Amino acid sequence: MSTHVPGVDGAGSGAGVFAAVDIGASSGRVMLGRVTPGAGVSLETVLRFPNGVVEIDGGLRWDFDALFAEVLAGLRAAATVASAQGETIASIGIDTWAVDYGLVTKAGRLVAQPFSYRDDRSRAAVAPVHAKLDPARLYATTGLQFLQFNTIYQLAAEQDLDGLQALLIPDLIAFLLTGIRRTEATNASTTGLFDAVAGEWATEFFAPLGLRKDLFPPLIQPGETVGTLLPEIAAAVGLTQDTKVVAVGSHDTASAVAAVPAEKDAFAYISSGTWSLVGLELKHPVLTEAGREANFTNERGVDGTIRYLRNMGGLWLLSECQRTWALEGFRPELTALLTAAAALPAGGPEVNADDPYFIAPDNMPERIRAAVRRTGEVLPDDPAAITRCIMDSLASGYARTITAAERLAGRAVEVVHVVGGGSQNTLLCQLTANATGRPVIAGPVEATALGNVLVQARAAGAAAGGLPQLREIIATGTSLRRYEPAPLPVNAARN
């Protein structure tokens, strides 16, 4: 797969070739990004691989050993492709999902496969943490949305951290590539141990929780160099030892938001994938009690911006339904499923897509139908009806979240940008326009990889300017689709 984005104004002397390692909760890929001054950006996928939680020792974990092996295979493929065209890869950037981490010894050994946020172990740690640190105090400092799987609660569930260091997943990959331990700031801001105003670790929270202040490595900002490849890694993947690993927005949403093709400040964004990240981009955090009660989060973005958002349910609901239906012998093609769902009348039953009830994987169609029954309505055991319920529920949730964000941040929204995989879902995009009453601009699909590559390119001098200039590259060179809101049905007022 190749994507081309023209219009890069180079600050450096020539073209740049960059490797983007982009891993989500269900799949990953390694892409080559080519950035040529005055010509543009192209993305080429050189390797895709599956990802997912596995049950190990009675818990839901990531098979990190297999994941890192895929990263090496992807970098090897990237080196091969680049070499065949006489190119040299200037740097590597890594982004993944947030909050999860691996525990590493002083000697650099990973002690166990990292737990997944979908494991339920942290639930029991919430009350003990809040007994030591009042939730209002936590929010006033970190600005972080409460989620039972936030890193702070996962760490509280650990039994013994003596002599160990916690590396968030993208930082763990970077460490194994370079031997250098750092914590990238956008991902650090999701831990619950990061000061949203100071942009540093909230070290006053470590001692009450029995955590060492050096539990995490020092912070690093997007665009800074982590290090160069270890000799054995360089040899294994066919790259030179001076190939840099550059910090990008290592929380994949930070990279995705950096590539939102917004032309003005008055926009909301939805990074739509397994999860939906819905919110605004601000210059300063909003640390009010009203924001805490509404469960909004203040996470770091590229260039010190604040991603004021809610982490909402996403297309995980649909993918899990598809998985269950496949196990039952029914494998509908996604386009046909969405077409059938779109043909159903508006105003059908909805669920709260944010309900923790939907976090774990297990017979999602029946979970959704059970949730509908609890509202006093009935949802047929029909894939099209269940799919429409998911799409309606997500769109309504997006609308409520954007309205709340406007009120809490004092910022009006004129347009909604949908990036990521969900930007290809025409039904979801149209329903979102309908529910929000605002135009929806869909695309780019590859926002995360584009944000990853452009931060690397700017660090190398192959692109110039701040986020507005990087976004201009995206806006002028990407095929975007616009959805205008249609009138809502009368019975939709209940939402």
Protein backbone atom coordinates (compact mmCIF):
# COMPACT_ATOMS: atom_id res chain seq x y z
CA MET A 1 0.00 0.00 0.00
CA SER A 2 1.36 3.42 -0.92
CA THR A 3 0.04 6.89 -0.08
CA HIS A 4 1.38 10.16 -1.48
CA VAL A 5 1.15 13.56 0.19
CA PRO A 6 2.70 16.42 -1.81
CA GLY A 7 3.78 19.83 -0.66
CA VAL A 8 6.65 19.52 1.81
CA ASP A 9 8.81 22.61 2.12
CA GLY A 10 12.23 21.31 3.09
CA ALA A 11 14.45 22.96 5.65
CA GLY A 12 17.27 20.57 4.88
CA SER A 13 19.30 19.77 1.83
CA GLY A 14 17.65 16.69 0.45
CA ALA A 15 15.18 13.86 0.62
CA GLY A 16 14.62 11.86 3.76
CA VAL A 17 13.54 8.25 4.19
CA PHE A 18 12.05 7.26 7.52
CA ALA A 19 10.74 4.04 9.06
CA ALA A 20 7.53 4.26 11.07
CA VAL A 21 6.73 1.43 13.46
CA ASP A 22 3.01 1.78 14.19
CA ILE A 23 1.41 -0.82 16.44
CA GLY A 24 -2.19 -0.91 17.61
CA ALA A 25 -4.03 -3.24 19.93
CA SER A 26 -5.10 -5.54 17.10
CA SER A 27 -2.41 -5.16 14.45
CA GLY A 28 0.86 -3.47 13.60
CA ARG A 29 2.82 -2.43 10.58
CA VAL A 30 6.14 -0.99 9.56
CA MET A 31 6.00 1.71 6.89
CA LEU A 32 8.54 3.63 4.89
CA GLY A 33 7.92 7.35 4.71
CA ARG A 34 9.69 9.24 1.95
CA VAL A 35 9.85 13.00 2.37
CA THR A 36 11.28 15.09 -0.47
CA PRO A 37 11.62 18.89 -0.19
CA GLY A 38 9.17 20.50 -2.56
CA ALA A 39 7.82 17.15 -3.72
CA GLY A 40 5.95 15.48 -0.89
CA VAL A 41 5.50 12.55 1.43
CA SER A 42 4.79 8.98 0.42
CA LEU A 43 4.00 6.05 2.67
CA GLU A 44 4.71 2.46 1.77
CA THR A 45 3.71 -0.45 3.96
CA VAL A 46 6.52 -3.01 4.01
CA LEU A 47 5.11 -5.37 6.65
CA ARG A 48 1.80 -5.90 8.42
CA PHE A 49 1.41 -8.26 11.35
CA PRO A 50 -1.32 -9.25 13.81
CA ASN A 51 -1.38 -8.27 17.45
CA GLY A 52 -3.69 -9.19 20.29
CA VAL A 53 -3.89 -10.25 23.88
CA VAL A 54 -3.08 -13.82 24.87
CA GLU A 55 -3.75 -15.64 28.10
CA ILE A 56 -0.48 -16.35 29.92
CA ASP A 57 -0.27 -17.52 33.54
CA GLY A 58 -3.94 -16.76 34.07
CA GLY A 59 -3.76 -13.17 32.84
CA LEU A 60 -4.30 -11.26 29.61
CA ARG A 61 -0.88 -10.21 28.31
CA TRP A 62 0.87 -9.10 25.13
CA ASP A 63 3.18 -11.57 23.46
CA PHE A 64 5.91 -8.97 23.39
CA ASP A 65 8.63 -11.36 22.26
CA ALA A 66 6.61 -12.13 19.13
CA LEU A 67 5.77 -8.45 18.71
CA PHE A 68 9.41 -7.38 18.84
CA ALA A 69 10.34 -10.13 16.40
CA GLU A 70 7.79 -8.63 13.98
CA VAL A 71 9.30 -5.17 14.50
CA LEU A 72 12.72 -6.54 13.56
CA ALA A 73 11.24 -8.30 10.54
CA GLY A 74 9.57 -5.05 9.50
CA LEU A 75 12.76 -3.04 9.83
CA ARG A 76 14.60 -5.72 7.87
CA ALA A 77 11.97 -5.46 5.12
CA ALA A 78 12.21 -1.66 5.20
CA ALA A 79 16.00 -1.83 4.86
CA THR A 80 15.69 -4.23 1.93
CA VAL A 81 13.16 -2.05 0.10
CA ALA A 82 15.16 1.13 0.71
CA SER A 83 18.45 -0.47 -0.33
CA ALA A 84 16.93 -1.75 -3.56
CA GLN A 85 16.13 1.86 -4.46
CA GLY A 86 19.50 3.24 -3.38
CA GLU A 87 18.03 4.90 -0.29
CA THR A 88 19.29 5.23 3.27
CA ILE A 89 16.85 5.18 6.17
CA ALA A 90 17.61 8.25 8.27
CA SER A 91 15.68 7.28 11.39
CA ILE A 92 13.04 5.10 13.00
CA GLY A 93 10.00 6.31 14.95
CA ILE A 94 7.78 4.14 17.16
CA ASP A 95 4.18 4.63 18.26
CA THR A 96 1.81 2.22 20.01
CA TRP A 97 -1.19 2.24 22.32
CA ALA A 98 -0.80 3.80 25.77
CA VAL A 99 -0.73 2.85 29.49
CA ASP A 100 0.85 -0.62 29.22
CA TYR A 101 4.47 -1.28 30.13
CA GLY A 102 7.13 -3.93 30.53
CA LEU A 103 9.25 -4.40 33.63
CA VAL A 104 12.98 -4.54 32.95
CA THR A 105 15.89 -5.43 35.23
CA LYS A 106 19.00 -3.27 35.61
CA ALA A 107 20.70 -5.67 33.20
CA GLY A 108 17.98 -5.02 30.63
CA ARG A 109 16.05 -8.29 30.86
CA LEU A 110 12.27 -8.21 30.43
CA VAL A 111 10.98 -10.14 33.45
CA ALA A 112 7.61 -11.15 31.98
CA GLN A 113 5.35 -10.55 29.02
CA PRO A 114 3.58 -7.20 29.66
CA PHE A 115 0.05 -7.21 30.98
CA SER A 116 -2.68 -5.87 28.72
CA TYR A 117 -4.96 -3.08 29.86
CA ARG A 118 -7.81 -5.49 29.11
CA ASP A 119 -6.75 -7.68 32.03
CA ASP A 120 -8.94 -7.09 35.06
CA ARG A 121 -6.15 -7.11 37.66
CA SER A 122 -6.07 -3.34 38.15
CA ARG A 123 -9.74 -3.08 39.18
CA ALA A 124 -8.95 -4.14 42.74
CA ALA A 125 -6.14 -1.55 42.96
CA VAL A 126 -8.38 1.47 42.32
CA ALA A 127 -9.80 1.82 45.85
CA PRO A 128 -6.40 1.43 47.62
CA VAL A 129 -4.86 4.07 45.33
CA HIS A 130 -7.72 6.48 45.98
CA ALA A 131 -7.42 5.87 49.73
CA LYS A 132 -3.85 7.20 49.52
CA LEU A 133 -4.38 9.85 46.86
CA ASP A 134 -7.70 11.64 46.62
CA PRO A 135 -9.08 11.43 43.06
CA ALA A 136 -9.71 15.19 43.00
CA ARG A 137 -6.07 15.83 43.90
CA LEU A 138 -4.89 13.38 41.26
CA TYR A 139 -6.95 15.12 38.59
CA ALA A 140 -5.93 18.61 39.64
CA THR A 141 -2.31 17.62 38.96
CA THR A 142 -2.42 15.06 36.15
CA GLY A 143 -5.69 16.01 34.45
CA LEU A 144 -6.05 12.36 33.51
CA GLN A 145 -9.37 10.73 32.77
CA PHE A 146 -10.19 7.94 35.21
CA LEU A 147 -9.90 4.54 33.62
CA GLN A 148 -9.40 1.51 35.79
CA PHE A 149 -6.51 0.35 33.60
CA ASN A 150 -4.48 3.57 33.77
CA THR A 151 -0.82 2.84 34.47
CA ILE A 152 -1.03 4.14 38.04
CA TYR A 153 -3.53 1.40 38.94
CA GLN A 154 -1.65 -1.28 37.04
CA LEU A 155 1.52 -0.44 38.97
CA ALA A 156 -0.38 -0.53 42.24
CA ALA A 157 -1.38 -4.11 41.38
CA GLU A 158 2.25 -5.20 41.01
CA GLN A 159 3.70 -7.36 43.76
CA ASP A 160 7.40 -6.48 43.69
CA LEU A 161 9.08 -3.69 41.76
CA ASP A 162 12.42 -3.73 43.58
CA GLY A 163 15.29 -3.34 41.15
CA LEU A 164 12.96 -3.02 38.17
CA GLN A 165 12.18 -0.18 35.79
CA ALA A 166 8.90 0.35 33.93
CA LEU A 167 9.15 1.07 30.21
CA LEU A 168 5.98 1.93 28.32
CA ILE A 169 5.56 -0.27 25.25
CA PRO A 170 7.05 2.08 22.59
CA ASP A 171 9.87 2.99 24.97
CA LEU A 172 10.54 -0.71 25.57
CA ILE A 173 10.87 -1.27 21.83
CA ALA A 174 13.19 1.75 21.54
CA PHE A 175 15.29 0.44 24.42
CA LEU A 176 15.73 -2.96 22.81
CA LEU A 177 16.78 -1.25 19.58
CA THR A 178 19.20 1.25 21.12
CA GLY A 179 20.05 0.22 24.66
CA ILE A 180 18.86 3.67 25.82
CA ARG A 181 16.03 4.03 28.34
CA ARG A 182 13.74 7.03 27.95
CA THR A 183 10.04 7.79 28.44
CA GLU A 184 8.43 9.78 25.65
CA ALA A 185 6.28 12.60 27.04
CA THR A 186 2.99 12.07 25.16
CA ASN A 187 2.80 8.53 26.46
CA ALA A 188 4.03 9.50 29.93
CA SER A 189 1.00 11.79 30.16
CA THR A 190 -1.30 8.73 30.11
CA THR A 191 0.21 7.11 33.19
CA GLY A 192 -1.55 9.11 35.93
CA LEU A 193 1.88 10.07 37.28
CA PHE A 194 2.59 13.06 35.03
CA ASP A 195 2.09 16.74 35.91
CA ALA A 196 -0.08 18.23 33.17
CA VAL A 197 1.08 21.81 33.82
CA ALA A 198 4.78 21.28 34.52
CA GLY A 199 5.20 18.62 31.83
CA GLU A 200 7.27 16.53 34.26
CA TRP A 201 6.75 13.48 36.43
CA ALA A 202 4.43 14.17 39.37
CA THR A 203 7.00 12.81 41.78
CA GLU A 204 4.92 13.71 44.87
CA PHE A 205 2.61 10.81 43.99
CA PHE A 206 5.32 8.15 43.85
CA ALA A 207 6.13 7.82 47.56
CA PRO A 208 2.52 7.41 48.80
CA LEU A 209 2.16 4.52 46.36
CA GLY A 210 5.47 2.95 47.34
CA LEU A 211 6.99 3.69 43.94
CA ARG A 212 10.59 4.78 43.39
CA LYS A 213 11.04 8.15 41.71
CA ASP A 214 13.29 6.48 39.15
CA LEU A 215 10.74 3.79 38.31
CA PHE A 216 10.41 5.31 34.85
CA PRO A 217 13.37 6.47 32.73
CA PRO A 218 13.89 10.21 32.11
CA LEU A 219 11.50 12.03 29.81
CA ILE A 220 12.14 12.77 26.15
CA GLN A 221 10.13 14.97 23.78
CA PRO A 222 8.88 14.21 20.24
CA GLY A 223 11.61 15.08 17.77
CA GLU A 224 14.49 14.30 20.14
CA THR A 225 16.86 11.41 19.42
CA VAL A 226 16.63 8.38 21.70
CA GLY A 227 19.84 6.86 20.36
CA THR A 228 21.30 4.86 17.50
CA LEU A 229 20.92 1.16 16.78
CA LEU A 230 22.84 -1.37 18.81
CA PRO A 231 25.46 -3.15 16.68
CA GLU A 232 23.70 -6.49 16.90
CA ILE A 233 20.33 -4.92 15.97
CA ALA A 234 21.85 -3.04 13.03
CA ALA A 235 23.40 -6.26 11.76
CA ALA A 236 20.17 -8.21 12.24
CA VAL A 237 18.00 -5.78 10.27
CA GLY A 238 20.51 -4.64 7.66
CA LEU A 239 20.78 -1.00 8.71
CA THR A 240 23.83 1.06 9.63
CA GLN A 241 24.72 1.52 13.30
CA ASP A 242 24.28 5.28 13.01
CA THR A 243 20.58 4.89 12.14
CA LYS A 244 18.74 6.99 14.70
CA VAL A 245 15.69 6.09 16.72
CA VAL A 246 13.81 9.38 17.08
CA ALA A 247 11.05 9.99 19.60
CA VAL A 248 7.75 10.82 17.93
CA GLY A 249 4.30 11.14 19.47
CA SER A 250 4.75 7.60 20.77
CA HIS A 251 1.18 7.45 22.00
CA ASP A 252 -0.42 6.64 18.66
CA THR A 253 -3.20 9.16 19.24
CA ALA A 254 -0.63 11.94 19.65
CA SER A 255 0.82 11.09 16.24
CA ALA A 256 -2.67 10.82 14.73
CA VAL A 257 -3.78 14.19 16.07
CA ALA A 258 -0.57 15.78 14.78
CA ALA A 259 -1.72 14.74 11.30
CA VAL A 260 -5.30 16.04 11.58
CA PRO A 261 -5.65 18.19 8.43
CA ALA A 262 -7.25 21.10 10.25
CA GLU A 263 -7.10 24.56 8.67
CA LYS A 264 -8.39 26.46 11.74
CA ASP A 265 -8.36 26.03 15.52
CA ALA A 266 -12.13 25.55 15.80
CA PHE A 267 -12.09 21.80 15.21
CA ALA A 268 -12.81 18.63 17.10
CA TYR A 269 -11.12 15.37 16.24
CA ILE A 270 -12.06 11.73 16.45
CA SER A 271 -9.21 9.28 16.16
CA SER A 272 -11.29 6.28 15.25
CA GLY A 273 -10.04 2.75 15.58
CA THR A 274 -10.23 0.05 18.24
CA TRP A 275 -10.92 2.93 20.61
CA SER A 276 -12.34 6.35 19.81
CA LEU A 277 -10.36 9.33 21.06
CA VAL A 278 -12.69 12.33 20.88
CA GLY A 279 -11.78 15.87 21.81
CA LEU A 280 -10.11 19.22 21.17
CA GLU A 281 -6.56 20.45 20.86
CA LEU A 282 -5.71 23.14 23.42
CA LYS A 283 -2.71 25.19 24.47
CA HIS A 284 -3.29 24.67 28.21
CA PRO A 285 -4.85 21.86 30.28
CA VAL A 286 -8.33 22.19 31.76
CA LEU A 287 -8.02 20.90 35.33
CA THR A 288 -11.44 21.82 36.67
CA GLU A 289 -13.63 19.71 38.90
CA ALA A 290 -16.28 19.86 36.18
CA GLY A 291 -13.78 18.31 33.77
CA ARG A 292 -13.03 15.55 36.26
CA GLU A 293 -16.71 14.82 36.79
CA ALA A 294 -17.15 14.62 33.02
CA ASN A 295 -14.14 12.27 32.89
CA PHE A 296 -12.16 14.31 30.36
CA THR A 297 -8.44 13.81 30.06
CA ASN A 298 -5.56 16.21 29.41
CA GLU A 299 -2.86 14.35 27.50
CA ARG A 300 0.28 15.75 25.93
CA GLY A 301 0.42 16.23 22.18
CA VAL A 302 3.24 17.02 19.79
CA ASP A 303 4.83 20.46 20.36
CA GLY A 304 3.51 20.68 23.92
CA THR A 305 -0.15 20.85 22.93
CA ILE A 306 -2.88 19.39 25.11
CA ARG A 307 -5.19 16.73 23.79
CA TYR A 308 -8.36 17.44 25.76
CA LEU A 309 -10.43 14.37 25.13
CA ARG A 310 -12.35 11.39 26.31
CA ASN A 311 -11.24 7.86 25.60
CA MET A 312 -14.44 6.26 24.32
CA GLY A 313 -15.56 2.93 23.03
CA GLY A 314 -14.74 2.33 19.39
CA LEU A 315 -14.80 -0.13 16.54
CA TRP A 316 -13.60 -2.82 18.95
CA LEU A 317 -17.31 -3.52 19.47
CA LEU A 318 -17.81 -4.29 15.80
CA SER A 319 -14.58 -6.25 15.35
CA GLU A 320 -15.43 -8.38 18.38
CA CYS A 321 -18.90 -9.03 16.96
CA GLN A 322 -17.30 -10.09 13.68
CA ARG A 323 -14.99 -12.42 15.57
CA THR A 324 -17.92 -14.05 17.39
CA TRP A 325 -19.95 -14.37 14.20
CA ALA A 326 -16.97 -15.96 12.44
CA LEU A 327 -16.70 -18.55 15.22
CA GLU A 328 -20.36 -19.31 14.60
CA GLY A 329 -19.68 -19.80 10.88
CA PHE A 330 -21.05 -16.44 9.71
CA ARG A 331 -18.48 -14.23 7.98
CA PRO A 332 -20.22 -11.22 6.45
CA GLU A 333 -18.12 -8.89 4.33
CA LEU A 334 -17.78 -5.57 6.16
CA THR A 335 -19.07 -3.38 3.34
CA ALA A 336 -22.17 -5.54 2.93
CA LEU A 337 -22.73 -5.50 6.70
CA LEU A 338 -22.54 -1.70 6.85
CA THR A 339 -24.78 -1.34 3.79
CA ALA A 340 -27.42 -3.52 5.42
CA ALA A 341 -27.09 -1.53 8.64
CA ALA A 342 -27.45 1.77 6.78
CA ALA A 343 -30.72 0.54 5.23
CA LEU A 344 -32.33 0.19 8.66
CA PRO A 345 -34.41 3.09 10.00
CA ALA A 346 -32.88 5.68 12.29
CA GLY A 347 -33.84 5.98 15.94
CA GLY A 348 -33.15 2.37 16.92
CA PRO A 349 -31.84 1.17 20.29
CA GLU A 350 -28.47 2.35 21.55
CA VAL A 351 -26.00 1.39 24.26
CA ASN A 352 -23.33 3.24 26.18
CA ALA A 353 -20.23 2.34 24.16
CA ASP A 354 -18.05 3.51 27.08
CA ASP A 355 -19.41 0.93 29.50
CA PRO A 356 -16.54 -1.15 31.01
CA TYR A 357 -18.87 -4.09 30.39
CA PHE A 358 -17.60 -4.05 26.80
CA ILE A 359 -13.84 -3.96 27.53
CA ALA A 360 -13.09 -7.68 27.75
CA PRO A 361 -13.42 -9.97 24.71
CA ASP A 362 -16.33 -12.42 24.96
CA ASN A 363 -19.48 -12.83 22.81
CA MET A 364 -19.91 -9.13 22.02
CA PRO A 365 -23.21 -9.52 20.11
CA GLU A 366 -24.92 -10.97 23.16
CA ARG A 367 -23.32 -8.37 25.43
CA ILE A 368 -24.74 -5.60 23.27
CA ARG A 369 -28.20 -7.19 23.16
CA ALA A 370 -28.12 -7.63 26.95
CA ALA A 371 -27.19 -3.98 27.41
CA VAL A 372 -30.11 -2.97 25.19
CA ARG A 373 -32.47 -5.16 27.23
CA ARG A 374 -31.40 -3.29 30.36
CA THR A 375 -32.68 -0.09 28.73
CA GLY A 376 -36.10 -1.70 28.28
CA GLU A 377 -35.75 -2.14 24.53
CA VAL A 378 -35.15 -5.15 22.32
CA LEU A 379 -32.41 -5.61 19.74
CA PRO A 380 -32.89 -8.45 17.22
CA ASP A 381 -30.25 -11.15 17.00
CA ASP A 382 -29.37 -9.92 13.54
CA PRO A 383 -25.88 -8.76 12.49
CA ALA A 384 -27.19 -5.76 10.55
CA ALA A 385 -29.31 -4.58 13.49
CA ILE A 386 -26.44 -5.06 15.94
CA THR A 387 -24.07 -3.23 13.60
CA ARG A 388 -26.51 -0.31 13.27
CA CYS A 389 -26.84 -0.20 17.06
CA ILE A 390 -23.04 0.07 17.37
CA MET A 391 -22.80 2.84 14.76
CA ASP A 392 -25.68 4.84 16.25
CA SER A 393 -24.26 4.43 19.75
CA LEU A 394 -20.82 5.61 18.71
CA ALA A 395 -22.15 8.63 16.79
CA SER A 396 -24.38 9.69 19.67
CA GLY A 397 -21.48 9.29 22.08
CA TYR A 398 -19.25 11.40 19.86
CA ALA A 399 -21.85 14.17 19.77
CA ARG A 400 -22.29 14.21 23.54
CA THR A 401 -18.54 14.25 24.08
CA ILE A 402 -17.88 17.11 21.64
CA THR A 403 -20.67 19.18 23.17
CA ALA A 404 -19.25 18.60 26.65
CA ALA A 405 -15.73 19.46 25.50
CA GLU A 406 -16.95 22.75 24.03
CA ARG A 407 -18.64 23.66 27.29
CA LEU A 408 -15.75 22.65 29.56
CA ALA A 409 -12.99 24.21 27.47
CA GLY A 410 -14.90 27.28 26.31
CA ARG A 411 -14.10 26.46 22.69
CA ALA A 412 -16.64 26.39 19.84
CA VAL A 413 -16.35 23.65 17.24
CA GLU A 414 -17.12 24.33 13.58
CA VAL A 415 -15.97 21.08 12.01
CA VAL A 416 -15.22 17.52 13.10
CA HIS A 417 -12.21 15.66 11.71
CA VAL A 418 -12.28 11.86 11.71
CA VAL A 419 -8.91 10.19 11.17
CA GLY A 420 -7.75 6.60 11.31
CA GLY A 421 -9.51 3.45 10.19
CA GLY A 422 -12.95 4.76 11.09
CA SER A 423 -12.61 7.53 8.52
CA GLN A 424 -13.32 4.86 5.87
CA ASN A 425 -16.61 3.91 7.54
CA THR A 426 -19.09 5.98 5.54
CA LEU A 427 -22.04 5.04 7.75
CA LEU A 428 -20.27 6.06 10.95
CA CYS A 429 -19.04 9.32 9.42
CA GLN A 430 -22.49 10.30 8.14
CA LEU A 431 -24.16 9.39 11.43
CA THR A 432 -21.53 11.46 13.25
CA ALA A 433 -22.27 14.47 11.04
CA ASN A 434 -25.97 13.97 11.72
CA ALA A 435 -25.54 13.62 15.47
CA THR A 436 -23.12 16.54 15.89
CA GLY A 437 -24.87 18.84 13.45
CA ARG A 438 -21.50 19.76 11.96
CA PRO A 439 -19.61 18.84 8.82
CA VAL A 440 -17.32 15.83 9.17
CA ILE A 441 -14.03 15.73 7.28
CA ALA A 442 -12.88 12.13 6.95
CA GLY A 443 -9.22 11.24 6.47
CA PRO A 444 -6.42 10.54 6.34
CA VAL A 445 -6.68 6.86 7.17
CA GLU A 446 -2.94 6.70 7.82
CA ALA A 447 -2.89 9.72 10.16
CA THR A 448 -0.81 7.97 12.82
CA ALA A 449 1.94 6.94 10.42
CA LEU A 450 1.92 10.37 8.77
CA GLY A 451 2.29 12.11 12.12
CA ASN A 452 5.08 9.69 13.04
CA VAL A 453 6.98 10.30 9.78
CA LEU A 454 6.54 14.06 9.71
CA VAL A 455 7.93 14.49 13.23
CA GLN A 456 10.96 12.45 12.18
CA ALA A 457 11.27 14.45 8.96
CA ARG A 458 11.18 17.75 10.81
CA ALA A 459 13.86 16.51 13.21
CA ALA A 460 16.03 15.59 10.21
CA GLY A 461 15.42 18.90 8.41
CA ALA A 462 13.35 17.36 5.62
CA ALA A 463 10.23 19.28 6.71
CA ALA A 464 9.84 22.63 8.42
CA GLY A 465 7.51 24.55 10.69
CA GLY A 466 5.12 23.82 13.51
CA LEU A 467 1.93 21.80 13.57
CA PRO A 468 0.04 24.22 11.27
CA GLN A 469 2.69 23.77 8.58
CA LEU A 470 2.77 19.98 8.99
CA ARG A 471 -1.03 19.92 8.81
CA GLU A 472 -1.01 22.01 5.67
CA ILE A 473 1.04 19.27 4.04
CA ILE A 474 -1.67 16.77 4.96
CA ALA A 475 -4.62 18.99 4.04
CA THR A 476 -3.34 19.84 0.57
CA GLY A 477 -2.10 16.41 -0.34
CA THR A 478 -4.64 13.94 1.02
CA SER A 479 -7.92 12.85 -0.51
CA LEU A 480 -10.50 13.86 2.10
CA ARG A 481 -14.23 13.26 2.14
CA ARG A 482 -16.76 15.72 3.53
CA TYR A 483 -20.09 14.69 5.11
CA GLU A 484 -22.79 17.27 5.69
CA PRO A 485 -25.26 16.76 8.55
CA ALA A 486 -28.72 15.53 7.68
CA PRO A 487 -31.79 16.30 9.82
CA LEU A 488 -32.17 14.00 12.81
CA PRO A 489 -35.38 11.99 13.21
CA VAL A 490 -37.83 13.32 15.77
CA ASN A 491 -37.28 10.44 18.20
CA ALA A 492 -33.51 11.09 18.19
CA ALA A 493 -34.10 13.92 20.63
CA ARG A 494 -33.91 11.34 23.44
CA ASN A 495 -30.14 11.25 22.90
